[in-house]
Amino acid sequence: MKTFAVSAAMAATLTLAAVPTALFAQDVAYTKGSVKAIDADAGKVTLIHEELENLGMPAMTMVFRADEETLARMAEGDDIEFVADRVEGKLTVVELKE
């Protein structure tokens, strides 16, 4: 029984470790940005963005990964508000404001 409890706790910890930290925040801080370019085939978007406080990054232009659904909601030239985080070590748009 003790082994099962330890295994279950380890599995829960590993599962939570894979979830972006931004998803745990109650008051998600969105960052304003503008879509410069989209490469849907590569799953990437280039954004001109304000400071990313949660990542400690100043305002700049950079490439982010994004899933197919998120990319489909963007178009070049759009002004957006988004949340970015590191997912498997890659900077990723994890949430896009409606």
C-alpha atoms as a PDB file:
ATOM      1  CA  MET A   1       0.000   0.000   0.000  1.00  0.00           C
ATOM      2  CA  LYS A   2       2.830   2.390   0.817  1.00  0.00           C
ATOM      3  CA  THR A   3       4.449   1.713  -2.577  1.00  0.00           C
ATOM      4  CA  PHE A   4       1.205   2.590  -4.367  1.00  0.00           C
ATOM      5  CA  ALA A   5       0.891   5.910  -2.497  1.00  0.00           C
ATOM      6  CA  VAL A   6       4.473   6.873  -3.343  1.00  0.00           C
ATOM      7  CA  SER A   7       4.009   5.859  -7.005  1.00  0.00           C
ATOM      8  CA  ALA A   8       0.766   7.828  -7.286  1.00  0.00           C
ATOM      9  CA  ALA A   9       2.384  10.910  -5.758  1.00  0.00           C
ATOM     10  CA  MET A  10       5.343  10.668  -8.135  1.00  0.00           C
ATOM     11  CA  ALA A  11       3.031  10.283 -11.143  1.00  0.00           C
ATOM     12  CA  ALA A  12       1.013  13.341 -10.097  1.00  0.00           C
ATOM     13  CA  THR A  13       4.187  15.384  -9.664  1.00  0.00           C
ATOM     14  CA  LEU A  14       5.498  14.385 -13.083  1.00  0.00           C
ATOM     15  CA  THR A  15       2.146  15.153 -14.701  1.00  0.00           C
ATOM     16  CA  LEU A  16       1.991  18.626 -13.168  1.00  0.00           C
ATOM     17  CA  ALA A  17       5.588  19.339 -14.166  1.00  0.00           C
ATOM     18  CA  ALA A  18       4.595  19.101 -17.838  1.00  0.00           C
ATOM     19  CA  VAL A  19       1.856  21.759 -17.519  1.00  0.00           C
ATOM     20  CA  PRO A  20       2.965  25.349 -18.257  1.00  0.00           C
ATOM     21  CA  THR A  21       3.247  27.401 -15.084  1.00  0.00           C
ATOM     22  CA  ALA A  22       1.080  30.184 -16.545  1.00  0.00           C
ATOM     23  CA  LEU A  23      -1.923  27.873 -16.395  1.00  0.00           C
ATOM     24  CA  PHE A  24      -1.734  27.796 -12.596  1.00  0.00           C
ATOM     25  CA  ALA A  25      -1.902  31.553 -12.169  1.00  0.00           C
ATOM     26  CA  GLN A  26      -5.271  32.811 -11.001  1.00  0.00           C
ATOM     27  CA  ASP A  27      -4.747  36.299 -12.424  1.00  0.00           C
ATOM     28  CA  VAL A  28      -3.056  35.570 -15.723  1.00  0.00           C
ATOM     29  CA  ALA A  29      -0.999  38.531 -16.934  1.00  0.00           C
ATOM     30  CA  TYR A  30      -1.510  38.950 -20.642  1.00  0.00           C
ATOM     31  CA  THR A  31       1.151  40.618 -22.770  1.00  0.00           C
ATOM     32  CA  LYS A  32       0.265  42.913 -25.653  1.00  0.00           C
ATOM     33  CA  GLY A  33       1.793  42.138 -28.998  1.00  0.00           C
ATOM     34  CA  SER A  34       1.451  42.337 -32.737  1.00  0.00           C
ATOM     35  CA  VAL A  35       1.641  39.413 -35.161  1.00  0.00           C
ATOM     36  CA  LYS A  36       4.515  40.001 -37.574  1.00  0.00           C
ATOM     37  CA  ALA A  37       4.558  36.621 -39.351  1.00  0.00           C
ATOM     38  CA  ILE A  38       3.010  33.157 -39.112  1.00  0.00           C
ATOM     39  CA  ASP A  39       4.596  29.886 -40.233  1.00  0.00           C
ATOM     40  CA  ALA A  40       1.756  27.420 -39.703  1.00  0.00           C
ATOM     41  CA  ASP A  41       3.708  24.507 -41.225  1.00  0.00           C
ATOM     42  CA  ALA A  42       6.450  24.951 -38.619  1.00  0.00           C
ATOM     43  CA  GLY A  43       4.009  25.781 -35.787  1.00  0.00           C
ATOM     44  CA  LYS A  44       5.628  29.181 -35.199  1.00  0.00           C
ATOM     45  CA  VAL A  45       4.575  32.804 -34.962  1.00  0.00           C
ATOM     46  CA  THR A  46       6.765  35.918 -34.884  1.00  0.00           C
ATOM     47  CA  LEU A  47       5.461  38.497 -32.409  1.00  0.00           C
ATOM     48  CA  ILE A  48       6.481  42.059 -31.624  1.00  0.00           C
ATOM     49  CA  HIS A  49       5.698  42.129 -27.906  1.00  0.00           C
ATOM     50  CA  GLU A  50       5.855  44.174 -24.742  1.00  0.00           C
ATOM     51  CA  GLU A  51       7.810  42.963 -21.706  1.00  0.00           C
ATOM     52  CA  LEU A  52       7.142  39.327 -20.771  1.00  0.00           C
ATOM     53  CA  GLU A  53       7.129  39.742 -16.995  1.00  0.00           C
ATOM     54  CA  ASN A  54       6.664  36.048 -16.182  1.00  0.00           C
ATOM     55  CA  LEU A  55       9.737  35.177 -18.282  1.00  0.00           C
ATOM     56  CA  GLY A  56      11.847  38.190 -17.314  1.00  0.00           C
ATOM     57  CA  MET A  57      12.219  39.296 -20.956  1.00  0.00           C
ATOM     58  CA  PRO A  58      12.170  42.863 -22.246  1.00  0.00           C
ATOM     59  CA  ALA A  59      10.027  44.033 -25.149  1.00  0.00           C
ATOM     60  CA  MET A  60      11.327  42.706 -28.473  1.00  0.00           C
ATOM     61  CA  THR A  61      10.472  40.785 -31.620  1.00  0.00           C
ATOM     62  CA  MET A  62      10.811  37.029 -31.361  1.00  0.00           C
ATOM     63  CA  VAL A  63       9.525  33.677 -32.570  1.00  0.00           C
ATOM     64  CA  PHE A  64       7.220  31.536 -30.432  1.00  0.00           C
ATOM     65  CA  ARG A  65       5.792  28.091 -30.923  1.00  0.00           C
ATOM     66  CA  ALA A  66       2.009  27.763 -30.942  1.00  0.00           C
ATOM     67  CA  ASP A  67      -0.412  24.939 -31.545  1.00  0.00           C
ATOM     68  CA  GLU A  68      -2.493  24.731 -34.711  1.00  0.00           C
ATOM     69  CA  GLU A  69      -5.664  26.035 -33.061  1.00  0.00           C
ATOM     70  CA  THR A  70      -3.913  29.095 -31.631  1.00  0.00           C
ATOM     71  CA  LEU A  71      -2.212  29.890 -34.941  1.00  0.00           C
ATOM     72  CA  ALA A  72      -5.565  29.665 -36.734  1.00  0.00           C
ATOM     73  CA  ARG A  73      -6.891  32.438 -34.486  1.00  0.00           C
ATOM     74  CA  MET A  74      -4.135  34.853 -35.571  1.00  0.00           C
ATOM     75  CA  ALA A  75      -3.421  36.772 -38.753  1.00  0.00           C
ATOM     76  CA  GLU A  76      -0.430  38.882 -39.752  1.00  0.00           C
ATOM     77  CA  GLY A  77      -0.904  42.440 -38.521  1.00  0.00           C
ATOM     78  CA  ASP A  78      -3.288  41.473 -35.683  1.00  0.00           C
ATOM     79  CA  ASP A  79      -2.879  43.190 -32.325  1.00  0.00           C
ATOM     80  CA  ILE A  80      -3.197  40.467 -29.691  1.00  0.00           C
ATOM     81  CA  GLU A  81      -2.934  39.806 -25.976  1.00  0.00           C
ATOM     82  CA  PHE A  82      -1.291  36.521 -25.059  1.00  0.00           C
ATOM     83  CA  VAL A  83       0.419  34.465 -22.377  1.00  0.00           C
ATOM     84  CA  ALA A  84       3.747  32.829 -23.175  1.00  0.00           C
ATOM     85  CA  ASP A  85       5.656  30.249 -21.168  1.00  0.00           C
ATOM     86  CA  ARG A  86       8.371  27.660 -21.617  1.00  0.00           C
ATOM     87  CA  VAL A  87       6.927  24.322 -22.724  1.00  0.00           C
ATOM     88  CA  GLU A  88       9.509  21.555 -22.950  1.00  0.00           C
ATOM     89  CA  GLY A  89      12.161  24.295 -23.011  1.00  0.00           C
ATOM     90  CA  LYS A  90      10.603  26.164 -25.955  1.00  0.00           C
ATOM     91  CA  LEU A  91       8.947  29.577 -25.733  1.00  0.00           C
ATOM     92  CA  THR A  92       5.292  28.960 -26.530  1.00  0.00           C
ATOM     93  CA  VAL A  93       2.061  30.948 -26.743  1.00  0.00           C
ATOM     94  CA  VAL A  94      -0.052  29.051 -24.211  1.00  0.00           C
ATOM     95  CA  GLU A  95      -3.095  31.321 -24.131  1.00  0.00           C
ATOM     96  CA  LEU A  96      -4.623  33.899 -26.466  1.00  0.00           C
ATOM     97  CA  LYS A  97      -7.178  36.418 -25.198  1.00  0.00           C
ATOM     98  CA  GLU A  98     -10.511  36.344 -27.032  1.00  0.00           C
END
